[in-house]
Amino acid sequence: MTDEAKRKFLVSYLIPAAVVEEWKKTDPETRQAAEQKVMQEWHQWSQDHASITLSTEAGGKTKRVTSSGISDTNNDIMVLSFVEAESLQAAAQIFENHPHLQIMQASIEVMEVKQMGGRLG
């Protein structure tokens, strides 16, 4: 596939905030072993897919901005990535067996990034 045929997709790795809070209560040794396993597999997955991954960023504290002002909030987003693929279906299929899905109630959402007037990139 040529670079011109590739499209950009935003990938959101999600875990319900309530699940994260429960996970923090897990026995530290059990939690550490499970997290280490997933991270090793995630690292390998990332290496295997480096040619299509544009960037991956971990989430942090979140602020909600509304017409009423700015407030602290929580959401289910853990990590964001940008990938390139031929289509939305092709991009989604890349993540079918991603290690993130080993985490209870975890999901991955893939959405095409489209330019809105200004310049992207």
PDB file of N, CA and C in Angstrom:
ATOM      1  N   MET A   1       0.859  -1.177   0.000  1.00  0.00           N
ATOM      2  CA  MET A   1       0.000   0.000   0.000  1.00  0.00           C
ATOM      3  C   MET A   1       0.901   1.235   0.000  1.00  0.00           C
ATOM      4  N   THR A   2       0.572   2.215  -0.824  1.00  0.00           N
ATOM      5  CA  THR A   2       1.361   3.445  -0.869  1.00  0.00           C
ATOM      6  C   THR A   2       0.971   4.344   0.288  1.00  0.00           C
ATOM      7  N   ASP A   3       1.874   5.292   0.615  1.00  0.00           N
ATOM      8  CA  ASP A   3       1.571   6.230   1.698  1.00  0.00           C
ATOM      9  C   ASP A   3       0.321   7.040   1.392  1.00  0.00           C
ATOM     10  N   GLU A   4       0.070   7.314   0.096  1.00  0.00           N
ATOM     11  CA  GLU A   4      -1.117   8.090  -0.269  1.00  0.00           C
ATOM     12  C   GLU A   4      -2.397   7.334   0.049  1.00  0.00           C
ATOM     13  N   ALA A   5      -2.362   5.993   0.005  1.00  0.00           N
ATOM     14  CA  ALA A   5      -3.553   5.182   0.255  1.00  0.00           C
ATOM     15  C   ALA A   5      -3.827   5.016   1.750  1.00  0.00           C
ATOM     16  N   LYS A   6      -2.839   5.292   2.576  1.00  0.00           N
ATOM     17  CA  LYS A   6      -3.017   5.131   4.018  1.00  0.00           C
ATOM     18  C   LYS A   6      -3.803   6.295   4.594  1.00  0.00           C
ATOM     19  N   ARG A   7      -4.653   5.962   5.565  1.00  0.00           N
ATOM     20  CA  ARG A   7      -5.418   6.979   6.275  1.00  0.00           C
ATOM     21  C   ARG A   7      -5.036   6.907   7.738  1.00  0.00           C
ATOM     22  N   LYS A   8      -5.272   7.997   8.478  1.00  0.00           N
ATOM     23  CA  LYS A   8      -4.944   8.056   9.901  1.00  0.00           C
ATOM     24  C   LYS A   8      -6.155   7.668  10.733  1.00  0.00           C
ATOM     25  N   PHE A   9      -5.858   6.945  11.828  1.00  0.00           N
ATOM     26  CA  PHE A   9      -6.909   6.528  12.749  1.00  0.00           C
ATOM     27  C   PHE A   9      -6.468   6.793  14.177  1.00  0.00           C
ATOM     28  N   LEU A  10      -7.406   7.286  14.972  1.00  0.00           N
ATOM     29  CA  LEU A  10      -7.192   7.488  16.398  1.00  0.00           C
ATOM     30  C   LEU A  10      -7.649   6.219  17.109  1.00  0.00           C
ATOM     31  N   VAL A  11      -6.802   5.698  17.974  1.00  0.00           N
ATOM     32  CA  VAL A  11      -7.099   4.471  18.700  1.00  0.00           C
ATOM     33  C   VAL A  11      -7.152   4.797  20.188  1.00  0.00           C
ATOM     34  N   SER A  12      -8.264   4.506  20.825  1.00  0.00           N
ATOM     35  CA  SER A  12      -8.433   4.740  22.257  1.00  0.00           C
ATOM     36  C   SER A  12      -8.464   3.399  22.973  1.00  0.00           C
ATOM     37  N   TYR A  13      -7.577   3.254  23.937  1.00  0.00           N
ATOM     38  CA  TYR A  13      -7.538   2.060  24.779  1.00  0.00           C
ATOM     39  C   TYR A  13      -8.291   2.418  26.052  1.00  0.00           C
ATOM     40  N   LEU A  14      -9.376   1.702  26.328  1.00  0.00           N
ATOM     41  CA  LEU A  14     -10.266   2.067  27.422  1.00  0.00           C
ATOM     42  C   LEU A  14     -10.355   0.984  28.490  1.00  0.00           C
ATOM     43  N   ILE A  15     -10.486   1.432  29.725  1.00  0.00           N
ATOM     44  CA  ILE A  15     -10.806   0.567  30.860  1.00  0.00           C
ATOM     45  C   ILE A  15     -11.745   1.386  31.740  1.00  0.00           C
ATOM     46  N   PRO A  16     -12.899   0.841  32.112  1.00  0.00           N
ATOM     47  CA  PRO A  16     -13.795   1.603  32.985  1.00  0.00           C
ATOM     48  C   PRO A  16     -13.075   2.050  34.258  1.00  0.00           C
ATOM     49  N   ALA A  17     -13.259   3.300  34.623  1.00  0.00           N
ATOM     50  CA  ALA A  17     -12.581   3.870  35.793  1.00  0.00           C
ATOM     51  C   ALA A  17     -12.858   3.045  37.052  1.00  0.00           C
ATOM     52  N   ALA A  18     -14.070   2.507  37.189  1.00  0.00           N
ATOM     53  CA  ALA A  18     -14.413   1.698  38.358  1.00  0.00           C
ATOM     54  C   ALA A  18     -13.569   0.417  38.401  1.00  0.00           C
ATOM     55  N   VAL A  19     -13.277  -0.144  37.250  1.00  0.00           N
ATOM     56  CA  VAL A  19     -12.445  -1.352  37.187  1.00  0.00           C
ATOM     57  C   VAL A  19     -11.025  -1.017  37.625  1.00  0.00           C
ATOM     58  N   VAL A  20     -10.521   0.123  37.206  1.00  0.00           N
ATOM     59  CA  VAL A  20      -9.179   0.554  37.608  1.00  0.00           C
ATOM     60  C   VAL A  20      -9.108   0.703  39.128  1.00  0.00           C
ATOM     61  N   GLU A  21     -10.121   1.320  39.715  1.00  0.00           N
ATOM     62  CA  GLU A  21     -10.140   1.505  41.170  1.00  0.00           C
ATOM     63  C   GLU A  21     -10.177   0.163  41.897  1.00  0.00           C
ATOM     64  N   GLU A  22     -10.957  -0.786  41.400  1.00  0.00           N
ATOM     65  CA  GLU A  22     -11.000  -2.125  42.009  1.00  0.00           C
ATOM     66  C   GLU A  22      -9.651  -2.821  41.849  1.00  0.00           C
ATOM     67  N   TRP A  23      -9.034  -2.674  40.685  1.00  0.00           N
ATOM     68  CA  TRP A  23      -7.743  -3.302  40.405  1.00  0.00           C
ATOM     69  C   TRP A  23      -6.678  -2.812  41.390  1.00  0.00           C
ATOM     70  N   LYS A  24      -6.751  -1.554  41.775  1.00  0.00           N
ATOM     71  CA  LYS A  24      -5.785  -0.994  42.727  1.00  0.00           C
ATOM     72  C   LYS A  24      -5.872  -1.678  44.088  1.00  0.00           C
ATOM     73  N   LYS A  25      -7.012  -2.317  44.391  1.00  0.00           N
ATOM     74  CA  LYS A  25      -7.210  -3.004  45.669  1.00  0.00           C
ATOM     75  C   LYS A  25      -6.688  -4.444  45.637  1.00  0.00           C
ATOM     76  N   THR A  26      -6.284  -4.914  44.447  1.00  0.00           N
ATOM     77  CA  THR A  26      -5.781  -6.277  44.287  1.00  0.00           C
ATOM     78  C   THR A  26      -4.454  -6.434  45.020  1.00  0.00           C
ATOM     79  N   ASP A  27      -4.179  -7.646  45.462  1.00  0.00           N
ATOM     80  CA  ASP A  27      -2.902  -7.959  46.105  1.00  0.00           C
ATOM     81  C   ASP A  27      -1.759  -7.418  45.234  1.00  0.00           C
ATOM     82  N   PRO A  28      -0.852  -6.602  45.813  1.00  0.00           N
ATOM     83  CA  PRO A  28       0.217  -5.971  45.029  1.00  0.00           C
ATOM     84  C   PRO A  28       1.073  -6.939  44.219  1.00  0.00           C
ATOM     85  N   GLU A  29       1.393  -8.102  44.763  1.00  0.00           N
ATOM     86  CA  GLU A  29       2.215  -9.065  44.024  1.00  0.00           C
ATOM     87  C   GLU A  29       1.462  -9.621  42.820  1.00  0.00           C
ATOM     88  N   THR A  30       0.209  -9.942  43.016  1.00  0.00           N
ATOM     89  CA  THR A  30      -0.626 -10.454  41.924  1.00  0.00           C
ATOM     90  C   THR A  30      -0.776  -9.388  40.845  1.00  0.00           C
ATOM     91  N   ARG A  31      -1.064  -8.169  41.282  1.00  0.00           N
ATOM     92  CA  ARG A  31      -1.241  -7.048  40.345  1.00  0.00           C
ATOM     93  C   ARG A  31       0.028  -6.804  39.552  1.00  0.00           C
ATOM     94  N   GLN A  32       1.174  -6.758  40.235  1.00  0.00           N
ATOM     95  CA  GLN A  32       2.447  -6.484  39.564  1.00  0.00           C
ATOM     96  C   GLN A  32       2.774  -7.555  38.525  1.00  0.00           C
ATOM     97  N   ALA A  33       2.559  -8.814  38.863  1.00  0.00           N
ATOM     98  CA  ALA A  33       2.838  -9.900  37.918  1.00  0.00           C
ATOM     99  C   ALA A  33       1.941  -9.799  36.683  1.00  0.00           C
ATOM    100  N   ALA A  34       0.668  -9.533  36.890  1.00  0.00           N
ATOM    101  CA  ALA A  34      -0.266  -9.417  35.766  1.00  0.00           C
ATOM    102  C   ALA A  34       0.071  -8.209  34.892  1.00  0.00           C
ATOM    103  N   GLU A  35       0.377  -7.072  35.533  1.00  0.00           N
ATOM    104  CA  GLU A  35       0.718  -5.862  34.778  1.00  0.00           C
ATOM    105  C   GLU A  35       2.007  -6.063  33.986  1.00  0.00           C
ATOM    106  N   GLN A  36       2.978  -6.721  34.584  1.00  0.00           N
ATOM    107  CA  GLN A  36       4.247  -6.969  33.903  1.00  0.00           C
ATOM    108  C   GLN A  36       4.035  -7.856  32.671  1.00  0.00           C
ATOM    109  N   LYS A  37       3.212  -8.892  32.808  1.00  0.00           N
ATOM    110  CA  LYS A  37       2.917  -9.783  31.678  1.00  0.00           C
ATOM    111  C   LYS A  37       2.286  -9.010  30.523  1.00  0.00           C
ATOM    112  N   VAL A  38       1.260  -8.218  30.830  1.00  0.00           N
ATOM    113  CA  VAL A  38       0.578  -7.457  29.778  1.00  0.00           C
ATOM    114  C   VAL A  38       1.535  -6.445  29.136  1.00  0.00           C
ATOM    115  N   MET A  39       2.335  -5.788  29.946  1.00  0.00           N
ATOM    116  CA  MET A  39       3.262  -4.780  29.406  1.00  0.00           C
ATOM    117  C   MET A  39       4.317  -5.409  28.504  1.00  0.00           C
ATOM    118  N   GLN A  40       4.813  -6.589  28.858  1.00  0.00           N
ATOM    119  CA  GLN A  40       5.777  -7.275  27.993  1.00  0.00           C
ATOM    120  C   GLN A  40       5.135  -7.644  26.663  1.00  0.00           C
ATOM    121  N   GLU A  41       3.918  -8.159  26.709  1.00  0.00           N
ATOM    122  CA  GLU A  41       3.213  -8.523  25.484  1.00  0.00           C
ATOM    123  C   GLU A  41       2.854  -7.283  24.668  1.00  0.00           C
ATOM    124  N   TRP A  42       2.494  -6.199  25.347  1.00  0.00           N
ATOM    125  CA  TRP A  42       2.168  -4.946  24.667  1.00  0.00           C
ATOM    126  C   TRP A  42       3.422  -4.406  23.970  1.00  0.00           C
ATOM    127  N   HIS A  43       4.557  -4.458  24.643  1.00  0.00           N
ATOM    128  CA  HIS A  43       5.817  -4.001  24.060  1.00  0.00           C
ATOM    129  C   HIS A  43       6.130  -4.807  22.797  1.00  0.00           C
ATOM    130  N   GLN A  44       5.951  -6.120  22.860  1.00  0.00           N
ATOM    131  CA  GLN A  44       6.197  -6.957  21.680  1.00  0.00           C
ATOM    132  C   GLN A  44       5.219  -6.607  20.563  1.00  0.00           C
ATOM    133  N   TRP A  45       3.950  -6.423  20.913  1.00  0.00           N
ATOM    134  CA  TRP A  45       2.941  -6.049  19.910  1.00  0.00           C
ATOM    135  C   TRP A  45       3.341  -4.727  19.246  1.00  0.00           C
ATOM    136  N   SER A  46       3.788  -3.771  20.045  1.00  0.00           N
ATOM    137  CA  SER A  46       4.194  -2.460  19.522  1.00  0.00           C
ATOM    138  C   SER A  46       5.371  -2.582  18.562  1.00  0.00           C
ATOM    139  N   GLN A  47       6.331  -3.423  18.898  1.00  0.00           N
ATOM    140  CA  GLN A  47       7.465  -3.641  17.999  1.00  0.00           C
ATOM    141  C   GLN A  47       7.005  -4.282  16.699  1.00  0.00           C
ATOM    142  N   ASP A  48       6.110  -5.253  16.806  1.00  0.00           N
ATOM    143  CA  ASP A  48       5.610  -5.957  15.619  1.00  0.00           C
ATOM    144  C   ASP A  48       4.802  -5.042  14.701  1.00  0.00           C
ATOM    145  N   HIS A  49       4.219  -3.973  15.247  1.00  0.00           N
ATOM    146  CA  HIS A  49       3.363  -3.070  14.478  1.00  0.00           C
ATOM    147  C   HIS A  49       3.948  -1.661  14.352  1.00  0.00           C
ATOM    148  N   ALA A  50       5.240  -1.530  14.547  1.00  0.00           N
ATOM    149  CA  ALA A  50       5.902  -0.211  14.526  1.00  0.00           C
ATOM    150  C   ALA A  50       5.741   0.502  13.181  1.00  0.00           C
ATOM    151  N   SER A  51       5.626  -0.231  12.113  1.00  0.00           N
ATOM    152  CA  SER A  51       5.545   0.407  10.789  1.00  0.00           C
ATOM    153  C   SER A  51       4.218   1.130  10.555  1.00  0.00           C
ATOM    154  N   ILE A  52       3.198   0.813  11.323  1.00  0.00           N
ATOM    155  CA  ILE A  52       1.896   1.483  11.131  1.00  0.00           C
ATOM    156  C   ILE A  52       1.517   2.392  12.282  1.00  0.00           C
ATOM    157  N   THR A  53       2.270   2.329  13.382  1.00  0.00           N
ATOM    158  CA  THR A  53       1.958   3.146  14.550  1.00  0.00           C
ATOM    159  C   THR A  53       2.680   4.476  14.446  1.00  0.00           C
ATOM    160  N   LEU A  54       1.924   5.576  14.428  1.00  0.00           N
ATOM    161  CA  LEU A  54       2.504   6.905  14.322  1.00  0.00           C
ATOM    162  C   LEU A  54       2.946   7.424  15.673  1.00  0.00           C
ATOM    163  N   SER A  55       2.156   7.188  16.715  1.00  0.00           N
ATOM    164  CA  SER A  55       2.523   7.586  18.071  1.00  0.00           C
ATOM    165  C   SER A  55       1.592   6.909  19.062  1.00  0.00           C
ATOM    166  N   THR A  56       2.060   6.761  20.293  1.00  0.00           N
ATOM    167  CA  THR A  56       1.257   6.225  21.383  1.00  0.00           C
ATOM    168  C   THR A  56       1.531   7.069  22.604  1.00  0.00           C
ATOM    169  N   GLU A  57       0.485   7.533  23.246  1.00  0.00           N
ATOM    170  CA  GLU A  57       0.609   8.423  24.401  1.00  0.00           C
ATOM    171  C   GLU A  57      -0.248   7.908  25.541  1.00  0.00           C
ATOM    172  N   ALA A  58       0.311   7.883  26.743  1.00  0.00           N
ATOM    173  CA  ALA A  58      -0.450   7.480  27.916  1.00  0.00           C
ATOM    174  C   ALA A  58      -1.291   8.645  28.413  1.00  0.00           C
ATOM    175  N   GLY A  59      -2.473   8.336  28.907  1.00  0.00           N
ATOM    176  CA  GLY A  59      -3.357   9.363  29.439  1.00  0.00           C
ATOM    177  C   GLY A  59      -2.942   9.778  30.837  1.00  0.00           C
ATOM    178  N   GLY A  60      -3.453  10.881  31.272  1.00  0.00           N
ATOM    179  CA  GLY A  60      -3.156  11.386  32.607  1.00  0.00           C
ATOM    180  C   GLY A  60      -4.403  11.952  33.238  1.00  0.00           C
ATOM    181  N   LYS A  61      -4.229  12.864  34.168  1.00  0.00           N
ATOM    182  CA  LYS A  61      -5.378  13.511  34.805  1.00  0.00           C
ATOM    183  C   LYS A  61      -6.181  14.236  33.735  1.00  0.00           C
ATOM    184  N   THR A  62      -7.467  14.307  33.950  1.00  0.00           N
ATOM    185  CA  THR A  62      -8.366  14.853  32.947  1.00  0.00           C
ATOM    186  C   THR A  62      -9.140  16.047  33.493  1.00  0.00           C
ATOM    187  N   LYS A  63      -9.323  17.049  32.663  1.00  0.00           N
ATOM    188  CA  LYS A  63     -10.166  18.205  32.962  1.00  0.00           C
ATOM    189  C   LYS A  63     -11.320  18.220  31.969  1.00  0.00           C
ATOM    190  N   ARG A  64     -12.503  18.556  32.450  1.00  0.00           N
ATOM    191  CA  ARG A  64     -13.674  18.722  31.579  1.00  0.00           C
ATOM    192  C   ARG A  64     -13.908  20.217  31.418  1.00  0.00           C
ATOM    193  N   VAL A  65     -14.069  20.643  30.185  1.00  0.00           N
ATOM    194  CA  VAL A  65     -14.330  22.046  29.886  1.00  0.00           C
ATOM    195  C   VAL A  65     -15.741  22.148  29.321  1.00  0.00           C
ATOM    196  N   THR A  66     -16.596  22.920  29.987  1.00  0.00           N
ATOM    197  CA  THR A  66     -17.961  23.151  29.538  1.00  0.00           C
ATOM    198  C   THR A  66     -18.231  24.651  29.575  1.00  0.00           C
ATOM    199  N   SER A  67     -19.403  25.037  29.143  1.00  0.00           N
ATOM    200  CA  SER A  67     -19.771  26.455  29.204  1.00  0.00           C
ATOM    201  C   SER A  67     -19.874  26.941  30.652  1.00  0.00           C
ATOM    202  N   SER A  68     -19.965  26.003  31.598  1.00  0.00           N
ATOM    203  CA  SER A  68     -20.028  26.355  33.019  1.00  0.00           C
ATOM    204  C   SER A  68     -18.653  26.497  33.658  1.00  0.00           C
ATOM    205  N   GLY A  69     -17.611  26.091  32.945  1.00  0.00           N
ATOM    206  CA  GLY A  69     -16.264  26.213  33.493  1.00  0.00           C
ATOM    207  C   GLY A  69     -15.435  24.951  33.323  1.00  0.00           C
ATOM    208  N   ILE A  70     -14.400  24.850  34.139  1.00  0.00           N
ATOM    209  CA  ILE A  70     -13.445  23.742  34.078  1.00  0.00           C
ATOM    210  C   ILE A  70     -13.531  22.961  35.380  1.00  0.00           C
ATOM    211  N   SER A  71     -13.558  21.618  35.260  1.00  0.00           N
ATOM    212  CA  SER A  71     -13.619  20.777  36.456  1.00  0.00           C
ATOM    213  C   SER A  71     -12.770  19.529  36.262  1.00  0.00           C
ATOM    214  N   ASP A  72     -12.395  18.914  37.389  1.00  0.00           N
ATOM    215  CA  ASP A  72     -11.696  17.638  37.342  1.00  0.00           C
ATOM    216  C   ASP A  72     -12.697  16.569  36.944  1.00  0.00           C
ATOM    217  N   THR A  73     -12.216  15.555  36.230  1.00  0.00           N
ATOM    218  CA  THR A  73     -13.091  14.455  35.844  1.00  0.00           C
ATOM    219  C   THR A  73     -12.259  13.208  35.641  1.00  0.00           C
ATOM    220  N   ASN A  74     -12.915  12.081  35.507  1.00  0.00           N
ATOM    221  CA  ASN A  74     -12.287  10.812  35.144  1.00  0.00           C
ATOM    222  C   ASN A  74     -12.965  10.307  33.894  1.00  0.00           C
ATOM    223  N   ASN A  75     -12.221   9.621  33.050  1.00  0.00           N
ATOM    224  CA  ASN A  75     -12.827   8.951  31.911  1.00  0.00           C
ATOM    225  C   ASN A  75     -12.192   7.574  31.784  1.00  0.00           C
ATOM    226  N   ASP A  76     -12.601   6.829  30.809  1.00  0.00           N
ATOM    227  CA  ASP A  76     -12.132   5.455  30.650  1.00  0.00           C
ATOM    228  C   ASP A  76     -10.902   5.345  29.750  1.00  0.00           C
ATOM    229  N   ILE A  77     -10.407   6.478  29.230  1.00  0.00           N
ATOM    230  CA  ILE A  77      -9.271   6.439  28.306  1.00  0.00           C
ATOM    231  C   ILE A  77      -7.978   6.226  29.087  1.00  0.00           C
ATOM    232  N   MET A  78      -7.243   5.198  28.698  1.00  0.00           N
ATOM    233  CA  MET A  78      -5.973   4.879  29.338  1.00  0.00           C
ATOM    234  C   MET A  78      -4.803   5.315  28.461  1.00  0.00           C
ATOM    235  N   VAL A  79      -4.899   5.014  27.175  1.00  0.00           N
ATOM    236  CA  VAL A  79      -3.828   5.290  26.223  1.00  0.00           C
ATOM    237  C   VAL A  79      -4.464   5.677  24.900  1.00  0.00           C
ATOM    238  N   LEU A  80      -3.777   6.543  24.155  1.00  0.00           N
ATOM    239  CA  LEU A  80      -4.193   6.913  22.804  1.00  0.00           C
ATOM    240  C   LEU A  80      -3.065   6.601  21.837  1.00  0.00           C
ATOM    241  N   SER A  81      -3.416   6.146  20.647  1.00  0.00           N
ATOM    242  CA  SER A  81      -2.441   5.922  19.586  1.00  0.00           C
ATOM    243  C   SER A  81      -2.989   6.495  18.288  1.00  0.00           C
ATOM    244  N   PHE A  82      -2.085   6.742  17.391  1.00  0.00           N
ATOM    245  CA  PHE A  82      -2.450   7.047  16.015  1.00  0.00           C
ATOM    246  C   PHE A  82      -1.806   5.981  15.151  1.00  0.00           C
ATOM    247  N   VAL A  83      -2.586   5.400  14.249  1.00  0.00           N
ATOM    248  CA  VAL A  83      -2.066   4.387  13.340  1.00  0.00           C
ATOM    249  C   VAL A  83      -2.475   4.729  11.919  1.00  0.00           C
ATOM    250  N   GLU A  84      -1.816   4.099  10.974  1.00  0.00           N
ATOM    251  CA  GLU A  84      -2.161   4.240   9.570  1.00  0.00           C
ATOM    252  C   GLU A  84      -2.652   2.904   9.043  1.00  0.00           C
ATOM    253  N   ALA A  85      -3.698   2.968   8.224  1.00  0.00           N
ATOM    254  CA  ALA A  85      -4.240   1.761   7.607  1.00  0.00           C
ATOM    255  C   ALA A  85      -5.018   2.162   6.361  1.00  0.00           C
ATOM    256  N   GLU A  86      -5.395   1.176   5.590  1.00  0.00           N
ATOM    257  CA  GLU A  86      -6.121   1.395   4.333  1.00  0.00           C
ATOM    258  C   GLU A  86      -7.583   1.786   4.573  1.00  0.00           C
ATOM    259  N   SER A  87      -8.180   1.245   5.651  1.00  0.00           N
ATOM    260  CA  SER A  87      -9.594   1.499   5.927  1.00  0.00           C
ATOM    261  C   SER A  87      -9.845   1.377   7.433  1.00  0.00           C
ATOM    262  N   LEU A  88     -11.024   1.797   7.854  1.00  0.00           N
ATOM    263  CA  LEU A  88     -11.412   1.664   9.255  1.00  0.00           C
ATOM    264  C   LEU A  88     -11.439   0.195   9.662  1.00  0.00           C
ATOM    265  N   GLN A  89     -12.002  -0.648   8.816  1.00  0.00           N
ATOM    266  CA  GLN A  89     -12.063  -2.085   9.103  1.00  0.00           C
ATOM    267  C   GLN A  89     -10.659  -2.666   9.241  1.00  0.00           C
ATOM    268  N   ALA A  90      -9.765  -2.301   8.336  1.00  0.00           N
ATOM    269  CA  ALA A  90      -8.383  -2.796   8.396  1.00  0.00           C
ATOM    270  C   ALA A  90      -7.693  -2.320   9.670  1.00  0.00           C
ATOM    271  N   ALA A  91      -7.926  -1.069  10.061  1.00  0.00           N
ATOM    272  CA  ALA A  91      -7.328  -0.535  11.283  1.00  0.00           C
ATOM    273  C   ALA A  91      -7.863  -1.278  12.506  1.00  0.00           C
ATOM    274  N   ALA A  92      -9.163  -1.514  12.549  1.00  0.00           N
ATOM    275  CA  ALA A  92      -9.758  -2.215  13.693  1.00  0.00           C
ATOM    276  C   ALA A  92      -9.221  -3.648  13.791  1.00  0.00           C
ATOM    277  N   GLN A  93      -9.062  -4.313  12.669  1.00  0.00           N
ATOM    278  CA  GLN A  93      -8.590  -5.694  12.682  1.00  0.00           C
ATOM    279  C   GLN A  93      -7.176  -5.824  13.242  1.00  0.00           C
ATOM    280  N   ILE A  94      -6.394  -4.791  13.130  1.00  0.00           N
ATOM    281  CA  ILE A  94      -5.036  -4.804  13.679  1.00  0.00           C
ATOM    282  C   ILE A  94      -5.064  -5.057  15.185  1.00  0.00           C
ATOM    283  N   PHE A  95      -6.125  -4.631  15.855  1.00  0.00           N
ATOM    284  CA  PHE A  95      -6.210  -4.668  17.316  1.00  0.00           C
ATOM    285  C   PHE A  95      -7.018  -5.842  17.863  1.00  0.00           C
ATOM    286  N   GLU A  96      -7.460  -6.754  16.996  1.00  0.00           N
ATOM    287  CA  GLU A  96      -8.316  -7.860  17.446  1.00  0.00           C
ATOM    288  C   GLU A  96      -7.710  -8.685  18.582  1.00  0.00           C
ATOM    289  N   ASN A  97      -6.424  -8.903  18.582  1.00  0.00           N
ATOM    290  CA  ASN A  97      -5.782  -9.733  19.610  1.00  0.00           C
ATOM    291  C   ASN A  97      -4.782  -8.935  20.433  1.00  0.00           C
ATOM    292  N   HIS A  98      -5.022  -7.644  20.594  1.00  0.00           N
ATOM    293  CA  HIS A  98      -4.092  -6.787  21.327  1.00  0.00           C
ATOM    294  C   HIS A  98      -4.061  -7.188  22.814  1.00  0.00           C
ATOM    295  N   PRO A  99      -2.870  -7.175  23.438  1.00  0.00           N
ATOM    296  CA  PRO A  99      -2.752  -7.536  24.860  1.00  0.00           C
ATOM    297  C   PRO A  99      -3.628  -6.704  25.802  1.00  0.00           C
ATOM    298  N   HIS A 100      -3.973  -5.490  25.433  1.00  0.00           N
ATOM    299  CA  HIS A 100      -4.839  -4.655  26.281  1.00  0.00           C
ATOM    300  C   HIS A 100      -6.164  -5.363  26.572  1.00  0.00           C
ATOM    301  N   LEU A 101      -6.614  -6.185  25.645  1.00  0.00           N
ATOM    302  CA  LEU A 101      -7.911  -6.845  25.788  1.00  0.00           C
ATOM    303  C   LEU A 101      -7.898  -7.956  26.834  1.00  0.00           C
ATOM    304  N   GLN A 102      -6.724  -8.271  27.394  1.00  0.00           N
ATOM    305  CA  GLN A 102      -6.636  -9.243  28.498  1.00  0.00           C
ATOM    306  C   GLN A 102      -7.135  -8.628  29.806  1.00  0.00           C
ATOM    307  N   ILE A 103      -7.196  -7.310  29.859  1.00  0.00           N
ATOM    308  CA  ILE A 103      -7.618  -6.609  31.069  1.00  0.00           C
ATOM    309  C   ILE A 103      -9.148  -6.663  31.161  1.00  0.00           C
ATOM    310  N   MET A 104      -9.657  -6.960  32.351  1.00  0.00           N
ATOM    311  CA  MET A 104     -11.094  -7.085  32.538  1.00  0.00           C
ATOM    312  C   MET A 104     -11.844  -5.843  32.052  1.00  0.00           C
ATOM    313  N   GLN A 105     -12.860  -6.047  31.222  1.00  0.00           N
ATOM    314  CA  GLN A 105     -13.736  -5.011  30.677  1.00  0.00           C
ATOM    315  C   GLN A 105     -13.016  -3.985  29.800  1.00  0.00           C
ATOM    316  N   ALA A 106     -11.789  -4.288  29.379  1.00  0.00           N
ATOM    317  CA  ALA A 106     -11.054  -3.370  28.508  1.00  0.00           C
ATOM    318  C   ALA A 106     -11.627  -3.415  27.094  1.00  0.00           C
ATOM    319  N   SER A 107     -11.463  -2.313  26.389  1.00  0.00           N
ATOM    320  CA  SER A 107     -11.877  -2.254  24.986  1.00  0.00           C
ATOM    321  C   SER A 107     -10.939  -1.315  24.239  1.00  0.00           C
ATOM    322  N   ILE A 108     -11.014  -1.395  22.933  1.00  0.00           N
ATOM    323  CA  ILE A 108     -10.228  -0.527  22.066  1.00  0.00           C
ATOM    324  C   ILE A 108     -11.183   0.049  21.033  1.00  0.00           C
ATOM    325  N   GLU A 109     -11.167   1.361  20.880  1.00  0.00           N
ATOM    326  CA  GLU A 109     -12.005   2.017  19.878  1.00  0.00           C
ATOM    327  C   GLU A 109     -11.106   2.636  18.815  1.00  0.00           C
ATOM    328  N   VAL A 110     -11.516   2.506  17.566  1.00  0.00           N
ATOM    329  CA  VAL A 110     -10.746   3.013  16.434  1.00  0.00           C
ATOM    330  C   VAL A 110     -11.647   3.951  15.642  1.00  0.00           C
ATOM    331  N   MET A 111     -11.144   5.138  15.350  1.00  0.00           N
ATOM    332  CA  MET A 111     -11.929   6.150  14.647  1.00  0.00           C
ATOM    333  C   MET A 111     -11.041   6.862  13.635  1.00  0.00           C
ATOM    334  N   GLU A 112     -11.546   7.066  12.434  1.00  0.00           N
ATOM    335  CA  GLU A 112     -10.763   7.769  11.418  1.00  0.00           C
ATOM    336  C   GLU A 112     -10.587   9.237  11.800  1.00  0.00           C
ATOM    337  N   VAL A 113      -9.413   9.754  11.543  1.00  0.00           N
ATOM    338  CA  VAL A 113      -9.103  11.160  11.777  1.00  0.00           C
ATOM    339  C   VAL A 113      -9.270  11.883  10.455  1.00  0.00           C
ATOM    340  N   LYS A 114     -10.149  12.869  10.445  1.00  0.00           N
ATOM    341  CA  LYS A 114     -10.402  13.634   9.225  1.00  0.00           C
ATOM    342  C   LYS A 114     -10.084  15.096   9.475  1.00  0.00           C
ATOM    343  N   GLN A 115      -9.557  15.731   8.486  1.00  0.00           N
ATOM    344  CA  GLN A 115      -9.189  17.138   8.593  1.00  0.00           C
ATOM    345  C   GLN A 115     -10.449  18.010   8.646  1.00  0.00           C
ATOM    346  N   MET A 116     -10.421  19.008   9.566  1.00  0.00           N
ATOM    347  CA  MET A 116     -11.538  19.936   9.721  1.00  0.00           C
ATOM    348  C   MET A 116     -11.104  21.344   9.365  1.00  0.00           C
ATOM    349  N   GLY A 117     -10.916  21.637   8.126  1.00  0.00           N
ATOM    350  CA  GLY A 117     -10.574  22.987   7.729  1.00  0.00           C
ATOM    351  C   GLY A 117      -9.093  23.311   7.824  1.00  0.00           C
ATOM    352  N   GLY A 118      -8.517  23.258   9.016  1.00  0.00           N
ATOM    353  CA  GLY A 118      -7.098  23.580   9.196  1.00  0.00           C
ATOM    354  C   GLY A 118      -6.202  22.456   8.766  1.00  0.00           C
ATOM    355  N   ARG A 119      -4.949  22.610   9.017  1.00  0.00           N
ATOM    356  CA  ARG A 119      -3.951  21.615   8.611  1.00  0.00           C
ATOM    357  C   ARG A 119      -3.737  20.607   9.737  1.00  0.00           C
ATOM    358  N   LEU A 120      -3.792  19.330   9.420  1.00  0.00           N
ATOM    359  CA  LEU A 120      -3.498  18.264  10.373  1.00  0.00           C
ATOM    360  C   LEU A 120      -2.067  17.816  10.204  1.00  0.00           C
ATOM    361  N   GLY A 121      -1.482  17.403  11.298  1.00  0.00           N
ATOM    362  CA  GLY A 121      -0.160  16.798  11.177  1.00  0.00           C
ATOM    363  C   GLY A 121       0.845  17.688  11.699  1.00  0.00           C
TER     364      GLY A 121
END
